[in-house]
Amino acid sequence: MSETHDESPAIEITRGTATEEELAALIAVVSDAYAQESSDAVAEEPRVSAWTRTQRSLRAPLRRDIPWGRFSG
């Protein structure tokens, strides 16, 4: 838990009356679960095949501002 997150989960008790010990236990468990899940949530790096690395790129699009053959007068 070395990272500090700006957004922390919001906990709201909607029914009943919880004691301070119950709230402390709830906050500890939920905060730990949230921190664990956020540290495990990592996107995989996309694999680049050898074909993708060595293939030629597509040609540049045709320039429409230059007339065909460049000899139009």
PDB file of N, CA and C in Angstrom:
ATOM      1  N   MET A   1       0.822  -1.183   0.000  1.00  0.00           N
ATOM      2  CA  MET A   1       0.000   0.000   0.000  1.00  0.00           C
ATOM      3  C   MET A   1       0.869   1.250   0.000  1.00  0.00           C
ATOM      4  N   SER A   2       1.874   1.253  -0.872  1.00  0.00           N
ATOM      5  CA  SER A   2       2.773   2.394  -0.951  1.00  0.00           C
ATOM      6  C   SER A   2       2.185   3.511  -1.803  1.00  0.00           C
ATOM      7  N   GLU A   3       1.234   3.180  -2.697  1.00  0.00           N
ATOM      8  CA  GLU A   3       0.637   4.189  -3.548  1.00  0.00           C
ATOM      9  C   GLU A   3      -0.527   4.862  -2.834  1.00  0.00           C
ATOM     10  N   THR A   4      -0.680   6.140  -3.074  1.00  0.00           N
ATOM     11  CA  THR A   4      -1.803   6.869  -2.524  1.00  0.00           C
ATOM     12  C   THR A   4      -2.734   7.212  -3.672  1.00  0.00           C
ATOM     13  N   HIS A   5      -3.979   6.783  -3.562  1.00  0.00           N
ATOM     14  CA  HIS A   5      -4.965   7.049  -4.606  1.00  0.00           C
ATOM     15  C   HIS A   5      -5.791   8.260  -4.211  1.00  0.00           C
ATOM     16  N   ASP A   6      -6.090   9.109  -5.191  1.00  0.00           N
ATOM     17  CA  ASP A   6      -6.910  10.280  -4.926  1.00  0.00           C
ATOM     18  C   ASP A   6      -8.351   9.884  -4.635  1.00  0.00           C
ATOM     19  N   GLU A   7      -8.837   8.891  -5.365  1.00  0.00           N
ATOM     20  CA  GLU A   7     -10.210   8.450  -5.175  1.00  0.00           C
ATOM     21  C   GLU A   7     -10.223   7.244  -4.260  1.00  0.00           C
ATOM     22  N   SER A   8     -10.944   7.344  -3.182  1.00  0.00           N
ATOM     23  CA  SER A   8     -11.114   6.197  -2.306  1.00  0.00           C
ATOM     24  C   SER A   8     -12.584   5.804  -2.354  1.00  0.00           C
ATOM     25  N   PRO A   9     -12.878   4.538  -2.111  1.00  0.00           N
ATOM     26  CA  PRO A   9     -14.276   4.109  -2.199  1.00  0.00           C
ATOM     27  C   PRO A   9     -15.122   4.780  -1.124  1.00  0.00           C
ATOM     28  N   ALA A  10     -16.326   5.160  -1.486  1.00  0.00           N
ATOM     29  CA  ALA A  10     -17.246   5.783  -0.535  1.00  0.00           C
ATOM     30  C   ALA A  10     -18.106   4.699   0.094  1.00  0.00           C
ATOM     31  N   ILE A  11     -18.214   4.719   1.406  1.00  0.00           N
ATOM     32  CA  ILE A  11     -19.012   3.734   2.132  1.00  0.00           C
ATOM     33  C   ILE A  11     -20.160   4.470   2.801  1.00  0.00           C
ATOM     34  N   GLU A  12     -21.372   3.975   2.557  1.00  0.00           N
ATOM     35  CA  GLU A  12     -22.549   4.608   3.127  1.00  0.00           C
ATOM     36  C   GLU A  12     -23.410   3.540   3.793  1.00  0.00           C
ATOM     37  N   ILE A  13     -23.707   3.702   5.055  1.00  0.00           N
ATOM     38  CA  ILE A  13     -24.573   2.782   5.791  1.00  0.00           C
ATOM     39  C   ILE A  13     -26.007   3.269   5.604  1.00  0.00           C
ATOM     40  N   THR A  14     -26.858   2.432   5.012  1.00  0.00           N
ATOM     41  CA  THR A  14     -28.220   2.859   4.717  1.00  0.00           C
ATOM     42  C   THR A  14     -29.240   2.351   5.734  1.00  0.00           C
ATOM     43  N   ARG A  15     -28.948   1.236   6.413  1.00  0.00           N
ATOM     44  CA  ARG A  15     -29.890   0.709   7.406  1.00  0.00           C
ATOM     45  C   ARG A  15     -29.150   0.278   8.650  1.00  0.00           C
ATOM     46  N   GLY A  16     -29.818   0.349   9.756  1.00  0.00           N
ATOM     47  CA  GLY A  16     -29.267  -0.150  10.999  1.00  0.00           C
ATOM     48  C   GLY A  16     -28.291   0.829  11.623  1.00  0.00           C
ATOM     49  N   THR A  17     -27.804   0.438  12.775  1.00  0.00           N
ATOM     50  CA  THR A  17     -26.813   1.248  13.471  1.00  0.00           C
ATOM     51  C   THR A  17     -25.588   0.380  13.704  1.00  0.00           C
ATOM     52  N   ALA A  18     -24.497   0.811  13.187  1.00  0.00           N
ATOM     53  CA  ALA A  18     -23.255   0.056  13.324  1.00  0.00           C
ATOM     54  C   ALA A  18     -22.406   0.686  14.423  1.00  0.00           C
ATOM     55  N   THR A  19     -21.731  -0.159  15.172  1.00  0.00           N
ATOM     56  CA  THR A  19     -20.834   0.351  16.207  1.00  0.00           C
ATOM     57  C   THR A  19     -19.547   0.836  15.557  1.00  0.00           C
ATOM     58  N   GLU A  20     -18.745   1.532  16.320  1.00  0.00           N
ATOM     59  CA  GLU A  20     -17.485   2.040  15.785  1.00  0.00           C
ATOM     60  C   GLU A  20     -16.548   0.904  15.397  1.00  0.00           C
ATOM     61  N   GLU A  21     -16.577  -0.200  16.175  1.00  0.00           N
ATOM     62  CA  GLU A  21     -15.726  -1.349  15.854  1.00  0.00           C
ATOM     63  C   GLU A  21     -16.163  -2.000  14.545  1.00  0.00           C
ATOM     64  N   GLU A  22     -17.482  -2.113  14.325  1.00  0.00           N
ATOM     65  CA  GLU A  22     -17.987  -2.699  13.088  1.00  0.00           C
ATOM     66  C   GLU A  22     -17.642  -1.818  11.887  1.00  0.00           C
ATOM     67  N   LEU A  23     -17.768  -0.515  12.045  1.00  0.00           N
ATOM     68  CA  LEU A  23     -17.404   0.402  10.957  1.00  0.00           C
ATOM     69  C   LEU A  23     -15.911   0.338  10.652  1.00  0.00           C
ATOM     70  N   ALA A  24     -15.092   0.262  11.706  1.00  0.00           N
ATOM     71  CA  ALA A  24     -13.643   0.182  11.504  1.00  0.00           C
ATOM     72  C   ALA A  24     -13.283  -1.109  10.771  1.00  0.00           C
ATOM     73  N   ALA A  25     -13.921  -2.218  11.146  1.00  0.00           N
ATOM     74  CA  ALA A  25     -13.654  -3.495  10.478  1.00  0.00           C
ATOM     75  C   ALA A  25     -14.107  -3.440   9.023  1.00  0.00           C
ATOM     76  N   LEU A  26     -15.276  -2.858   8.787  1.00  0.00           N
ATOM     77  CA  LEU A  26     -15.792  -2.743   7.419  1.00  0.00           C
ATOM     78  C   LEU A  26     -14.866  -1.894   6.553  1.00  0.00           C
ATOM     79  N   ILE A  27     -14.449  -0.769   7.075  1.00  0.00           N
ATOM     80  CA  ILE A  27     -13.568   0.122   6.321  1.00  0.00           C
ATOM     81  C   ILE A  27     -12.221  -0.546   6.048  1.00  0.00           C
ATOM     82  N   ALA A  28     -11.694  -1.278   7.027  1.00  0.00           N
ATOM     83  CA  ALA A  28     -10.408  -1.955   6.834  1.00  0.00           C
ATOM     84  C   ALA A  28     -10.503  -3.020   5.753  1.00  0.00           C
ATOM     85  N   VAL A  29     -11.568  -3.822   5.794  1.00  0.00           N
ATOM     86  CA  VAL A  29     -11.715  -4.913   4.813  1.00  0.00           C
ATOM     87  C   VAL A  29     -11.955  -4.359   3.418  1.00  0.00           C
ATOM     88  N   VAL A  30     -12.851  -3.396   3.298  1.00  0.00           N
ATOM     89  CA  VAL A  30     -13.174  -2.845   1.976  1.00  0.00           C
ATOM     90  C   VAL A  30     -11.974  -2.082   1.407  1.00  0.00           C
ATOM     91  N   SER A  31     -11.289  -1.324   2.232  1.00  0.00           N
ATOM     92  CA  SER A  31     -10.119  -0.576   1.748  1.00  0.00           C
ATOM     93  C   SER A  31      -9.011  -1.504   1.279  1.00  0.00           C
ATOM     94  N   ASP A  32      -8.786  -2.588   2.023  1.00  0.00           N
ATOM     95  CA  ASP A  32      -7.759  -3.548   1.626  1.00  0.00           C
ATOM     96  C   ASP A  32      -8.139  -4.249   0.328  1.00  0.00           C
ATOM     97  N   ALA A  33      -9.414  -4.643   0.207  1.00  0.00           N
ATOM     98  CA  ALA A  33      -9.866  -5.300  -1.023  1.00  0.00           C
ATOM     99  C   ALA A  33      -9.756  -4.345  -2.210  1.00  0.00           C
ATOM    100  N   TYR A  34     -10.098  -3.079  -2.012  1.00  0.00           N
ATOM    101  CA  TYR A  34     -10.004  -2.091  -3.084  1.00  0.00           C
ATOM    102  C   TYR A  34      -8.553  -1.877  -3.502  1.00  0.00           C
ATOM    103  N   ALA A  35      -7.667  -1.764  -2.526  1.00  0.00           N
ATOM    104  CA  ALA A  35      -6.251  -1.548  -2.838  1.00  0.00           C
ATOM    105  C   ALA A  35      -5.666  -2.753  -3.563  1.00  0.00           C
ATOM    106  N   GLN A  36      -6.038  -3.954  -3.156  1.00  0.00           N
ATOM    107  CA  GLN A  36      -5.542  -5.167  -3.810  1.00  0.00           C
ATOM    108  C   GLN A  36      -6.042  -5.254  -5.246  1.00  0.00           C
ATOM    109  N   GLU A  37      -7.325  -4.970  -5.439  1.00  0.00           N
ATOM    110  CA  GLU A  37      -7.891  -5.055  -6.782  1.00  0.00           C
ATOM    111  C   GLU A  37      -7.297  -3.998  -7.708  1.00  0.00           C
ATOM    112  N   SER A  38      -7.102  -2.798  -7.205  1.00  0.00           N
ATOM    113  CA  SER A  38      -6.542  -1.753  -8.063  1.00  0.00           C
ATOM    114  C   SER A  38      -5.078  -2.012  -8.398  1.00  0.00           C
ATOM    115  N   SER A  39      -4.337  -2.671  -7.504  1.00  0.00           N
ATOM    116  CA  SER A  39      -2.938  -2.978  -7.828  1.00  0.00           C
ATOM    117  C   SER A  39      -2.833  -4.164  -8.782  1.00  0.00           C
ATOM    118  N   ASP A  40      -3.818  -5.059  -8.763  1.00  0.00           N
ATOM    119  CA  ASP A  40      -3.802  -6.208  -9.664  1.00  0.00           C
ATOM    120  C   ASP A  40      -4.339  -5.869 -11.048  1.00  0.00           C
ATOM    121  N   ALA A  41      -5.065  -4.785 -11.183  1.00  0.00           N
ATOM    122  CA  ALA A  41      -5.690  -4.425 -12.454  1.00  0.00           C
ATOM    123  C   ALA A  41      -4.658  -3.777 -13.364  1.00  0.00           C
ATOM    124  N   VAL A  42      -4.019  -4.587 -14.177  1.00  0.00           N
ATOM    125  CA  VAL A  42      -2.990  -4.111 -15.098  1.00  0.00           C
ATOM    126  C   VAL A  42      -3.332  -4.634 -16.487  1.00  0.00           C
ATOM    127  N   ALA A  43      -3.310  -3.763 -17.452  1.00  0.00           N
ATOM    128  CA  ALA A  43      -3.592  -4.162 -18.826  1.00  0.00           C
ATOM    129  C   ALA A  43      -2.378  -4.870 -19.407  1.00  0.00           C
ATOM    130  N   GLU A  44      -2.644  -5.917 -20.165  1.00  0.00           N
ATOM    131  CA  GLU A  44      -1.553  -6.654 -20.795  1.00  0.00           C
ATOM    132  C   GLU A  44      -0.992  -5.859 -21.964  1.00  0.00           C
ATOM    133  N   GLU A  45       0.301  -5.976 -22.167  1.00  0.00           N
ATOM    134  CA  GLU A  45       0.949  -5.335 -23.306  1.00  0.00           C
ATOM    135  C   GLU A  45       0.550  -6.104 -24.566  1.00  0.00           C
ATOM    136  N   PRO A  46       0.176  -5.395 -25.625  1.00  0.00           N
ATOM    137  CA  PRO A  46      -0.185  -6.099 -26.857  1.00  0.00           C
ATOM    138  C   PRO A  46       1.035  -6.793 -27.455  1.00  0.00           C
ATOM    139  N   ARG A  47       0.843  -8.036 -27.892  1.00  0.00           N
ATOM    140  CA  ARG A  47       1.933  -8.777 -28.513  1.00  0.00           C
ATOM    141  C   ARG A  47       2.077  -8.333 -29.959  1.00  0.00           C
ATOM    142  N   VAL A  48       3.295  -8.088 -30.370  1.00  0.00           N
ATOM    143  CA  VAL A  48       3.580  -7.695 -31.746  1.00  0.00           C
ATOM    144  C   VAL A  48       4.298  -8.859 -32.405  1.00  0.00           C
ATOM    145  N   SER A  49       3.699  -9.381 -33.459  1.00  0.00           N
ATOM    146  CA  SER A  49       4.290 -10.526 -34.141  1.00  0.00           C
ATOM    147  C   SER A  49       5.451 -10.076 -35.023  1.00  0.00           C
ATOM    148  N   ALA A  50       6.245 -11.036 -35.430  1.00  0.00           N
ATOM    149  CA  ALA A  50       7.362 -10.741 -36.317  1.00  0.00           C
ATOM    150  C   ALA A  50       6.853 -10.215 -37.648  1.00  0.00           C
ATOM    151  N   TRP A  51       5.708 -10.711 -38.098  1.00  0.00           N
ATOM    152  CA  TRP A  51       5.118 -10.249 -39.354  1.00  0.00           C
ATOM    153  C   TRP A  51       4.775  -8.766 -39.257  1.00  0.00           C
ATOM    154  N   THR A  52       4.209  -8.350 -38.164  1.00  0.00           N
ATOM    155  CA  THR A  52       3.839  -6.951 -38.001  1.00  0.00           C
ATOM    156  C   THR A  52       5.076  -6.069 -37.947  1.00  0.00           C
ATOM    157  N   ARG A  53       6.108  -6.521 -37.303  1.00  0.00           N
ATOM    158  CA  ARG A  53       7.321  -5.716 -37.187  1.00  0.00           C
ATOM    159  C   ARG A  53       8.028  -5.543 -38.516  1.00  0.00           C
ATOM    160  N   THR A  54       7.977  -6.558 -39.409  1.00  0.00           N
ATOM    161  CA  THR A  54       8.755  -6.501 -40.637  1.00  0.00           C
ATOM    162  C   THR A  54       7.953  -6.084 -41.852  1.00  0.00           C
ATOM    163  N   GLN A  55       6.652  -5.993 -41.753  1.00  0.00           N
ATOM    164  CA  GLN A  55       5.870  -5.664 -42.944  1.00  0.00           C
ATOM    165  C   GLN A  55       6.042  -4.203 -43.331  1.00  0.00           C
ATOM    166  N   ARG A  56       5.918  -3.963 -44.619  1.00  0.00           N
ATOM    167  CA  ARG A  56       6.013  -2.609 -45.129  1.00  0.00           C
ATOM    168  C   ARG A  56       4.758  -1.843 -44.768  1.00  0.00           C
ATOM    169  N   SER A  57       4.887  -0.579 -44.517  1.00  0.00           N
ATOM    170  CA  SER A  57       3.703   0.216 -44.225  1.00  0.00           C
ATOM    171  C   SER A  57       2.951   0.515 -45.523  1.00  0.00           C
ATOM    172  N   LEU A  58       1.730   0.943 -45.391  1.00  0.00           N
ATOM    173  CA  LEU A  58       0.929   1.289 -46.559  1.00  0.00           C
ATOM    174  C   LEU A  58       1.513   2.518 -47.229  1.00  0.00           C
ATOM    175  N   ARG A  59       1.279   2.626 -48.535  1.00  0.00           N
ATOM    176  CA  ARG A  59       1.820   3.773 -49.253  1.00  0.00           C
ATOM    177  C   ARG A  59       1.080   5.031 -48.828  1.00  0.00           C
ATOM    178  N   ALA A  60       1.719   6.143 -49.052  1.00  0.00           N
ATOM    179  CA  ALA A  60       1.099   7.429 -48.719  1.00  0.00           C
ATOM    180  C   ALA A  60      -0.087   7.666 -49.645  1.00  0.00           C
ATOM    181  N   PRO A  61      -1.112   8.343 -49.177  1.00  0.00           N
ATOM    182  CA  PRO A  61      -2.267   8.609 -50.050  1.00  0.00           C
ATOM    183  C   PRO A  61      -1.874   9.498 -51.221  1.00  0.00           C
ATOM    184  N   LEU A  62      -2.602   9.373 -52.310  1.00  0.00           N
ATOM    185  CA  LEU A  62      -2.330  10.177 -53.502  1.00  0.00           C
ATOM    186  C   LEU A  62      -2.620  11.640 -53.222  1.00  0.00           C
ATOM    187  N   ARG A  63      -1.776  12.486 -53.788  1.00  0.00           N
ATOM    188  CA  ARG A  63      -2.002  13.925 -53.639  1.00  0.00           C
ATOM    189  C   ARG A  63      -2.928  14.371 -54.755  1.00  0.00           C
ATOM    190  N   ARG A  64      -4.064  14.875 -54.407  1.00  0.00           N
ATOM    191  CA  ARG A  64      -5.059  15.291 -55.411  1.00  0.00           C
ATOM    192  C   ARG A  64      -4.803  16.706 -55.923  1.00  0.00           C
ATOM    193  N   ASP A  65      -3.917  17.441 -55.279  1.00  0.00           N
ATOM    194  CA  ASP A  65      -3.652  18.798 -55.730  1.00  0.00           C
ATOM    195  C   ASP A  65      -2.672  18.843 -56.900  1.00  0.00           C
ATOM    196  N   ILE A  66      -1.970  17.742 -57.194  1.00  0.00           N
ATOM    197  CA  ILE A  66      -1.029  17.692 -58.307  1.00  0.00           C
ATOM    198  C   ILE A  66      -1.732  16.986 -59.470  1.00  0.00           C
ATOM    199  N   PRO A  67      -1.779  17.616 -60.640  1.00  0.00           N
ATOM    200  CA  PRO A  67      -2.436  16.967 -61.784  1.00  0.00           C
ATOM    201  C   PRO A  67      -1.697  15.701 -62.205  1.00  0.00           C
ATOM    202  N   TRP A  68      -2.409  14.805 -62.892  1.00  0.00           N
ATOM    203  CA  TRP A  68      -1.823  13.542 -63.300  1.00  0.00           C
ATOM    204  C   TRP A  68      -0.671  13.797 -64.256  1.00  0.00           C
ATOM    205  N   GLY A  69       0.435  13.145 -64.004  1.00  0.00           N
ATOM    206  CA  GLY A  69       1.588  13.233 -64.892  1.00  0.00           C
ATOM    207  C   GLY A  69       2.392  14.506 -64.716  1.00  0.00           C
ATOM    208  N   ARG A  70       1.899  15.449 -64.001  1.00  0.00           N
ATOM    209  CA  ARG A  70       2.569  16.718 -63.736  1.00  0.00           C
ATOM    210  C   ARG A  70       2.922  17.490 -65.010  1.00  0.00           C
ATOM    211  N   PHE A  71       2.306  17.145 -66.138  1.00  0.00           N
ATOM    212  CA  PHE A  71       2.624  17.806 -67.387  1.00  0.00           C
ATOM    213  C   PHE A  71       1.463  18.622 -67.921  1.00  0.00           C
ATOM    214  N   SER A  72       0.415  18.745 -67.120  1.00  0.00           N
ATOM    215  CA  SER A  72      -0.725  19.500 -67.641  1.00  0.00           C
ATOM    216  C   SER A  72      -0.369  20.984 -67.643  1.00  0.00           C
ATOM    217  N   GLY A  73      -0.772  21.652 -68.661  1.00  0.00           N
ATOM    218  CA  GLY A  73      -0.297  22.980 -68.824  1.00  0.00           C
ATOM    219  C   GLY A  73      -1.314  23.994 -68.722  1.00  0.00           C
TER     220      GLY A  73
END
